[in-house]
Amino acid sequence: MNIEQARLNMVEQQIRASVSLREDVRELMLAVPREDFVPTALRHLAFADVEIPLGDGATMLRPRNDAMAVQILNPKKNDKVLEIGAGSGFMAALLAVHADQVTTIEIVPRLADLARANLRQAGIGNVDVVVGDGLADSTDGNHYDVIMVSGGLLAVPRDLPGRLKVGGRLLAFVGAAPVLTAVLVTRLGDARFRTRDLFETYVAPLSAANVYAKFEL
């Protein structure tokens, strides 16, 4: 397989065929080596329009959803980012290219180790991989410019948007199979939030995601 041609085809034929992609996101998807974050036995699927299983119920998002998430969240050079669900580390790698610091929380220790190793191999040093339940662990006192939930939720936990800084934005995939909705929550003030439904898709559920109540705006 010609890796570079396959990567270009992924961006031009899969992603840009259905998404109006900014040039910086196009360049990002071409620059970060997705194939290095895919399990060796499934590397032939690295550029396919599918979710890739990682074991323990986790998957890598489809390339289109990766690109859309980064474009919507639009991390900036001074942004602090929280990702929930590290998986193989690929989404953290994408976010880290333009952000100041990324913290990615993974509930499965094996996957946290995998993400840590993949990010190290890729030479990405501004990502901290933490083992824990990112949905439940809201007591660290930190607030973020960007929060990315890299898996499906039945609903957004009530306290999760409260971890945003004012002006911060959160992206989550909400609903149940076969169709979930990408939902963007923006913090407008201390107790003011705006929510927007952006597009429909499917992503596999995040671990332990079904026990959380809906965040009502």
C-alpha atoms as a PDB file:
ATOM      1  CA  MET A   1       0.000   0.000   0.000  1.00  0.00           C
ATOM      2  CA  ASN A   2       1.222   3.471  -0.888  1.00  0.00           C
ATOM      3  CA  ILE A   3       0.733   5.149   2.493  1.00  0.00           C
ATOM      4  CA  GLU A   4       0.932   8.730   1.293  1.00  0.00           C
ATOM      5  CA  GLN A   5      -1.480   8.156  -1.575  1.00  0.00           C
ATOM      6  CA  ALA A   6      -3.911   6.344   0.731  1.00  0.00           C
ATOM      7  CA  ARG A   7      -3.749   9.232   3.209  1.00  0.00           C
ATOM      8  CA  LEU A   8      -4.377  11.758   0.434  1.00  0.00           C
ATOM      9  CA  ASN A   9      -7.320   9.713  -0.843  1.00  0.00           C
ATOM     10  CA  MET A  10      -8.772   9.605   2.676  1.00  0.00           C
ATOM     11  CA  VAL A  11      -8.691  13.381   2.937  1.00  0.00           C
ATOM     12  CA  GLU A  12      -9.726  14.279  -0.597  1.00  0.00           C
ATOM     13  CA  GLN A  13     -12.202  11.513  -1.441  1.00  0.00           C
ATOM     14  CA  GLN A  14     -13.719  10.626   1.940  1.00  0.00           C
ATOM     15  CA  ILE A  15     -13.554  13.739   4.092  1.00  0.00           C
ATOM     16  CA  ARG A  16     -13.641  16.646   1.654  1.00  0.00           C
ATOM     17  CA  ALA A  17     -16.297  14.948  -0.447  1.00  0.00           C
ATOM     18  CA  SER A  18     -18.794  15.472   2.391  1.00  0.00           C
ATOM     19  CA  VAL A  19     -17.250  18.244   4.530  1.00  0.00           C
ATOM     20  CA  SER A  20     -16.210  21.799   3.738  1.00  0.00           C
ATOM     21  CA  LEU A  21     -12.776  21.434   5.271  1.00  0.00           C
ATOM     22  CA  ARG A  22     -10.579  24.371   6.282  1.00  0.00           C
ATOM     23  CA  GLU A  23      -7.083  24.244   4.845  1.00  0.00           C
ATOM     24  CA  ASP A  24      -5.416  24.038   8.270  1.00  0.00           C
ATOM     25  CA  VAL A  25      -7.508  20.964   9.137  1.00  0.00           C
ATOM     26  CA  ARG A  26      -6.775  19.400   5.754  1.00  0.00           C
ATOM     27  CA  GLU A  27      -3.047  19.875   6.364  1.00  0.00           C
ATOM     28  CA  LEU A  28      -3.388  18.465   9.877  1.00  0.00           C
ATOM     29  CA  MET A  29      -5.099  15.292   8.651  1.00  0.00           C
ATOM     30  CA  LEU A  30      -2.326  14.844   6.094  1.00  0.00           C
ATOM     31  CA  ALA A  31       0.464  15.516   8.597  1.00  0.00           C
ATOM     32  CA  VAL A  32      -0.443  13.343  11.608  1.00  0.00           C
ATOM     33  CA  PRO A  33       0.300   9.672  10.780  1.00  0.00           C
ATOM     34  CA  ARG A  34      -3.036   7.980  11.499  1.00  0.00           C
ATOM     35  CA  GLU A  35      -1.598   4.589  10.566  1.00  0.00           C
ATOM     36  CA  ASP A  36       0.807   4.737  13.528  1.00  0.00           C
ATOM     37  CA  PHE A  37      -2.163   4.892  15.937  1.00  0.00           C
ATOM     38  CA  VAL A  38      -3.944   1.853  14.455  1.00  0.00           C
ATOM     39  CA  PRO A  39      -3.389  -1.697  15.806  1.00  0.00           C
ATOM     40  CA  THR A  40      -0.858  -3.489  13.622  1.00  0.00           C
ATOM     41  CA  ALA A  41      -3.291  -6.208  12.538  1.00  0.00           C
ATOM     42  CA  LEU A  42      -5.764  -3.564  11.311  1.00  0.00           C
ATOM     43  CA  ARG A  43      -3.330  -1.180   9.692  1.00  0.00           C
ATOM     44  CA  HIS A  44      -4.852  -1.913   6.291  1.00  0.00           C
ATOM     45  CA  LEU A  45      -7.974  -0.097   7.583  1.00  0.00           C
ATOM     46  CA  ALA A  46      -6.090   3.013   8.716  1.00  0.00           C
ATOM     47  CA  PHE A  47      -7.529   5.196   5.955  1.00  0.00           C
ATOM     48  CA  ALA A  48     -10.895   3.494   5.493  1.00  0.00           C
ATOM     49  CA  ASP A  49     -14.172   5.239   6.298  1.00  0.00           C
ATOM     50  CA  VAL A  50     -14.818   3.017   9.329  1.00  0.00           C
ATOM     51  CA  GLU A  51     -14.363   3.000  13.074  1.00  0.00           C
ATOM     52  CA  ILE A  52     -11.405   0.796  14.028  1.00  0.00           C
ATOM     53  CA  PRO A  53     -11.776  -1.488  17.071  1.00  0.00           C
ATOM     54  CA  LEU A  54      -9.139  -1.152  19.777  1.00  0.00           C
ATOM     55  CA  GLY A  55     -10.452  -3.794  22.175  1.00  0.00           C
ATOM     56  CA  ASP A  56     -12.252  -3.339  25.509  1.00  0.00           C
ATOM     57  CA  GLY A  57     -15.181  -1.831  23.607  1.00  0.00           C
ATOM     58  CA  ALA A  58     -13.163   1.166  22.394  1.00  0.00           C
ATOM     59  CA  THR A  59     -12.779   2.323  18.799  1.00  0.00           C
ATOM     60  CA  MET A  60     -11.010   4.979  16.788  1.00  0.00           C
ATOM     61  CA  LEU A  61     -13.447   7.459  15.280  1.00  0.00           C
ATOM     62  CA  ARG A  62     -14.002   7.512  11.539  1.00  0.00           C
ATOM     63  CA  PRO A  63     -11.612   9.939   9.807  1.00  0.00           C
ATOM     64  CA  ARG A  64     -14.505  12.223   8.892  1.00  0.00           C
ATOM     65  CA  ASN A  65     -15.526  12.547  12.529  1.00  0.00           C
ATOM     66  CA  ASP A  66     -11.915  13.192  13.552  1.00  0.00           C
ATOM     67  CA  ALA A  67     -11.648  16.028  11.054  1.00  0.00           C
ATOM     68  CA  MET A  68     -15.048  17.504  11.886  1.00  0.00           C
ATOM     69  CA  ALA A  69     -14.303  17.463  15.621  1.00  0.00           C
ATOM     70  CA  VAL A  70     -11.018  19.315  15.237  1.00  0.00           C
ATOM     71  CA  GLN A  71     -12.543  21.836  12.838  1.00  0.00           C
ATOM     72  CA  ILE A  72     -15.467  22.557  15.173  1.00  0.00           C
ATOM     73  CA  LEU A  73     -13.397  22.815  18.358  1.00  0.00           C
ATOM     74  CA  ASN A  74     -10.651  24.783  16.593  1.00  0.00           C
ATOM     75  CA  PRO A  75      -7.994  24.598  19.343  1.00  0.00           C
ATOM     76  CA  LYS A  76      -5.654  27.579  19.620  1.00  0.00           C
ATOM     77  CA  LYS A  77      -2.021  27.799  20.662  1.00  0.00           C
ATOM     78  CA  ASN A  78      -2.823  28.892  24.236  1.00  0.00           C
ATOM     79  CA  ASP A  79      -5.731  26.487  24.789  1.00  0.00           C
ATOM     80  CA  LYS A  80      -5.899  23.875  27.520  1.00  0.00           C
ATOM     81  CA  VAL A  81      -7.752  20.809  26.227  1.00  0.00           C
ATOM     82  CA  LEU A  82      -9.448  17.902  27.989  1.00  0.00           C
ATOM     83  CA  GLU A  83     -10.240  14.732  26.061  1.00  0.00           C
ATOM     84  CA  ILE A  84     -12.369  11.982  27.568  1.00  0.00           C
ATOM     85  CA  GLY A  85     -11.561   8.600  26.055  1.00  0.00           C
ATOM     86  CA  ALA A  86      -7.949   8.471  24.858  1.00  0.00           C
ATOM     87  CA  GLY A  87      -8.285   5.287  22.817  1.00  0.00           C
ATOM     88  CA  SER A  88      -5.153   4.956  20.710  1.00  0.00           C
ATOM     89  CA  GLY A  89      -4.170   8.601  21.223  1.00  0.00           C
ATOM     90  CA  PHE A  90      -4.963   9.804  17.699  1.00  0.00           C
ATOM     91  CA  MET A  91      -7.533  12.458  18.609  1.00  0.00           C
ATOM     92  CA  ALA A  92      -5.227  13.774  21.347  1.00  0.00           C
ATOM     93  CA  ALA A  93      -2.459  13.988  18.755  1.00  0.00           C
ATOM     94  CA  LEU A  94      -4.650  16.023  16.397  1.00  0.00           C
ATOM     95  CA  LEU A  95      -5.739  18.402  19.157  1.00  0.00           C
ATOM     96  CA  ALA A  96      -2.207  18.761  20.496  1.00  0.00           C
ATOM     97  CA  VAL A  97      -0.776  20.105  17.232  1.00  0.00           C
ATOM     98  CA  HIS A  98      -2.527  23.461  17.674  1.00  0.00           C
ATOM     99  CA  ALA A  99      -3.209  23.513  21.443  1.00  0.00           C
ATOM    100  CA  ASP A 100      -0.905  24.385  24.311  1.00  0.00           C
ATOM    101  CA  GLN A 101      -1.619  21.311  26.450  1.00  0.00           C
ATOM    102  CA  VAL A 102      -3.918  18.290  26.183  1.00  0.00           C
ATOM    103  CA  THR A 103      -4.989  16.055  29.048  1.00  0.00           C
ATOM    104  CA  THR A 104      -6.627  12.853  27.854  1.00  0.00           C
ATOM    105  CA  ILE A 105      -8.333  10.549  30.362  1.00  0.00           C
ATOM    106  CA  GLU A 106      -8.776   6.849  29.601  1.00  0.00           C
ATOM    107  CA  ILE A 107     -10.684   4.443  31.841  1.00  0.00           C
ATOM    108  CA  VAL A 108      -8.936   1.310  30.465  1.00  0.00           C
ATOM    109  CA  PRO A 109      -5.301   1.124  31.663  1.00  0.00           C
ATOM    110  CA  ARG A 110      -4.184  -0.918  28.649  1.00  0.00           C
ATOM    111  CA  LEU A 111      -5.486   1.728  26.277  1.00  0.00           C
ATOM    112  CA  ALA A 112      -3.885   4.494  28.309  1.00  0.00           C
ATOM    113  CA  ASP A 113      -0.560   2.694  27.916  1.00  0.00           C
ATOM    114  CA  LEU A 114      -1.203   2.314  24.184  1.00  0.00           C
ATOM    115  CA  ALA A 115      -2.035   5.987  23.737  1.00  0.00           C
ATOM    116  CA  ARG A 116       1.016   7.023  25.758  1.00  0.00           C
ATOM    117  CA  ALA A 117       3.305   4.825  23.646  1.00  0.00           C
ATOM    118  CA  ASN A 118       1.800   6.012  20.342  1.00  0.00           C
ATOM    119  CA  LEU A 119       2.097   9.677  21.288  1.00  0.00           C
ATOM    120  CA  ARG A 120       5.685   9.189  22.409  1.00  0.00           C
ATOM    121  CA  GLN A 121       6.546   7.447  19.128  1.00  0.00           C
ATOM    122  CA  ALA A 122       4.945  10.319  17.205  1.00  0.00           C
ATOM    123  CA  GLY A 123       7.086  12.825  19.097  1.00  0.00           C
ATOM    124  CA  ILE A 124       4.101  14.626  20.629  1.00  0.00           C
ATOM    125  CA  GLY A 125       5.131  15.895  24.046  1.00  0.00           C
ATOM    126  CA  ASN A 126       2.287  18.185  25.097  1.00  0.00           C
ATOM    127  CA  VAL A 127      -0.216  15.442  25.981  1.00  0.00           C
ATOM    128  CA  ASP A 128      -0.720  13.953  29.439  1.00  0.00           C
ATOM    129  CA  VAL A 129      -2.431  10.545  29.439  1.00  0.00           C
ATOM    130  CA  VAL A 130      -4.272   9.861  32.696  1.00  0.00           C
ATOM    131  CA  VAL A 131      -5.994   6.649  33.813  1.00  0.00           C
ATOM    132  CA  GLY A 132      -9.444   7.332  35.222  1.00  0.00           C
ATOM    133  CA  ASP A 133     -13.109   7.980  34.528  1.00  0.00           C
ATOM    134  CA  GLY A 134     -13.104  11.329  32.781  1.00  0.00           C
ATOM    135  CA  LEU A 135     -16.863  11.739  33.088  1.00  0.00           C
ATOM    136  CA  ALA A 136     -16.902  11.215  36.828  1.00  0.00           C
ATOM    137  CA  ASP A 137     -13.659  12.966  37.767  1.00  0.00           C
ATOM    138  CA  SER A 138     -14.841  16.564  37.965  1.00  0.00           C
ATOM    139  CA  THR A 139     -13.183  17.483  41.228  1.00  0.00           C
ATOM    140  CA  ASP A 140      -9.682  18.387  40.039  1.00  0.00           C
ATOM    141  CA  GLY A 141     -10.588  22.075  39.912  1.00  0.00           C
ATOM    142  CA  ASN A 142      -9.212  22.566  36.401  1.00  0.00           C
ATOM    143  CA  HIS A 143     -11.108  24.389  33.682  1.00  0.00           C
ATOM    144  CA  TYR A 144     -10.517  23.984  29.971  1.00  0.00           C
ATOM    145  CA  ASP A 145     -10.860  25.922  26.746  1.00  0.00           C
ATOM    146  CA  VAL A 146     -11.826  22.754  24.870  1.00  0.00           C
ATOM    147  CA  ILE A 147     -13.420  19.464  25.956  1.00  0.00           C
ATOM    148  CA  MET A 148     -13.693  16.583  23.485  1.00  0.00           C
ATOM    149  CA  VAL A 149     -15.667  13.442  24.328  1.00  0.00           C
ATOM    150  CA  SER A 150     -14.296  10.759  22.014  1.00  0.00           C
ATOM    151  CA  GLY A 151     -17.167   8.296  22.227  1.00  0.00           C
ATOM    152  CA  GLY A 152     -20.958   8.152  22.262  1.00  0.00           C
ATOM    153  CA  LEU A 153     -23.053   9.296  25.225  1.00  0.00           C
ATOM    154  CA  LEU A 154     -26.736   8.800  25.898  1.00  0.00           C
ATOM    155  CA  ALA A 155     -26.620  12.316  27.351  1.00  0.00           C
ATOM    156  CA  VAL A 156     -24.055  14.877  28.445  1.00  0.00           C
ATOM    157  CA  PRO A 157     -23.343  14.676  32.206  1.00  0.00           C
ATOM    158  CA  ARG A 158     -24.779  17.672  34.045  1.00  0.00           C
ATOM    159  CA  ASP A 159     -21.491  18.892  35.490  1.00  0.00           C
ATOM    160  CA  LEU A 160     -19.264  18.394  32.435  1.00  0.00           C
ATOM    161  CA  PRO A 161     -19.919  21.764  30.727  1.00  0.00           C
ATOM    162  CA  GLY A 162     -19.115  23.409  34.052  1.00  0.00           C
ATOM    163  CA  ARG A 163     -15.503  22.362  33.520  1.00  0.00           C
ATOM    164  CA  LEU A 164     -15.247  24.800  30.608  1.00  0.00           C
ATOM    165  CA  LYS A 165     -13.742  28.251  30.917  1.00  0.00           C
ATOM    166  CA  VAL A 166     -16.001  31.099  29.821  1.00  0.00           C
ATOM    167  CA  GLY A 167     -15.824  31.035  26.027  1.00  0.00           C
ATOM    168  CA  GLY A 168     -14.844  27.359  26.070  1.00  0.00           C
ATOM    169  CA  ARG A 169     -16.489  24.741  23.897  1.00  0.00           C
ATOM    170  CA  LEU A 170     -17.388  21.087  24.371  1.00  0.00           C
ATOM    171  CA  LEU A 171     -18.154  18.536  21.669  1.00  0.00           C
ATOM    172  CA  ALA A 172     -19.973  15.283  22.413  1.00  0.00           C
ATOM    173  CA  PHE A 173     -21.800  12.658  20.353  1.00  0.00           C
ATOM    174  CA  VAL A 174     -25.199  12.164  21.975  1.00  0.00           C
ATOM    175  CA  GLY A 175     -27.900   9.566  21.457  1.00  0.00           C
ATOM    176  CA  ALA A 176     -28.156   5.852  20.717  1.00  0.00           C
ATOM    177  CA  ALA A 177     -27.628   3.581  17.715  1.00  0.00           C
ATOM    178  CA  PRO A 178     -28.122   3.842  14.849  1.00  0.00           C
ATOM    179  CA  VAL A 179     -27.808   7.650  14.856  1.00  0.00           C
ATOM    180  CA  LEU A 180     -26.095  10.038  17.272  1.00  0.00           C
ATOM    181  CA  THR A 181     -25.955  13.828  17.097  1.00  0.00           C
ATOM    182  CA  ALA A 182     -22.773  15.865  17.389  1.00  0.00           C
ATOM    183  CA  VAL A 183     -23.607  18.475  20.043  1.00  0.00           C
ATOM    184  CA  LEU A 184     -21.566  21.616  20.683  1.00  0.00           C
ATOM    185  CA  VAL A 185     -21.873  23.318  24.075  1.00  0.00           C
ATOM    186  CA  THR A 186     -20.314  26.769  24.536  1.00  0.00           C
ATOM    187  CA  ARG A 187     -19.942  28.437  27.922  1.00  0.00           C
ATOM    188  CA  LEU A 188     -21.156  32.035  27.640  1.00  0.00           C
ATOM    189  CA  GLY A 189     -20.883  33.022  31.309  1.00  0.00           C
ATOM    190  CA  ASP A 190     -20.772  31.673  34.848  1.00  0.00           C
ATOM    191  CA  ALA A 191     -24.151  29.997  34.508  1.00  0.00           C
ATOM    192  CA  ARG A 192     -24.935  30.548  30.829  1.00  0.00           C
ATOM    193  CA  PHE A 193     -24.451  27.898  28.146  1.00  0.00           C
ATOM    194  CA  ARG A 194     -25.456  27.587  24.502  1.00  0.00           C
ATOM    195  CA  THR A 195     -26.025  24.214  22.871  1.00  0.00           C
ATOM    196  CA  ARG A 196     -26.218  23.447  19.166  1.00  0.00           C
ATOM    197  CA  ASP A 197     -26.950  20.222  17.290  1.00  0.00           C
ATOM    198  CA  LEU A 198     -24.493  20.082  14.407  1.00  0.00           C
ATOM    199  CA  PHE A 199     -24.732  16.854  12.418  1.00  0.00           C
ATOM    200  CA  GLU A 200     -25.825  13.239  12.673  1.00  0.00           C
ATOM    201  CA  THR A 201     -23.394  10.336  12.669  1.00  0.00           C
ATOM    202  CA  TYR A 202     -22.584   7.176  14.562  1.00  0.00           C
ATOM    203  CA  VAL A 203     -19.806   6.535  17.060  1.00  0.00           C
ATOM    204  CA  ALA A 204     -19.398   3.617  19.442  1.00  0.00           C
ATOM    205  CA  PRO A 205     -20.396   4.280  23.072  1.00  0.00           C
ATOM    206  CA  LEU A 206     -17.861   5.573  25.534  1.00  0.00           C
ATOM    207  CA  SER A 207     -17.150   3.221  28.436  1.00  0.00           C
ATOM    208  CA  ALA A 208     -19.553   3.718  31.365  1.00  0.00           C
ATOM    209  CA  ALA A 209     -21.360   6.444  29.415  1.00  0.00           C
ATOM    210  CA  ASN A 210     -24.921   5.272  29.961  1.00  0.00           C
ATOM    211  CA  VAL A 211     -25.287   6.117  33.630  1.00  0.00           C
ATOM    212  CA  TYR A 212     -25.203   9.901  33.352  1.00  0.00           C
ATOM    213  CA  ALA A 213     -28.200  12.234  33.410  1.00  0.00           C
ATOM    214  CA  LYS A 214     -28.857  14.739  30.670  1.00  0.00           C
ATOM    215  CA  PHE A 215     -27.441  18.229  31.013  1.00  0.00           C
ATOM    216  CA  GLU A 216     -30.409  20.570  30.616  1.00  0.00           C
ATOM    217  CA  LEU A 217     -29.750  24.023  29.190  1.00  0.00           C
END
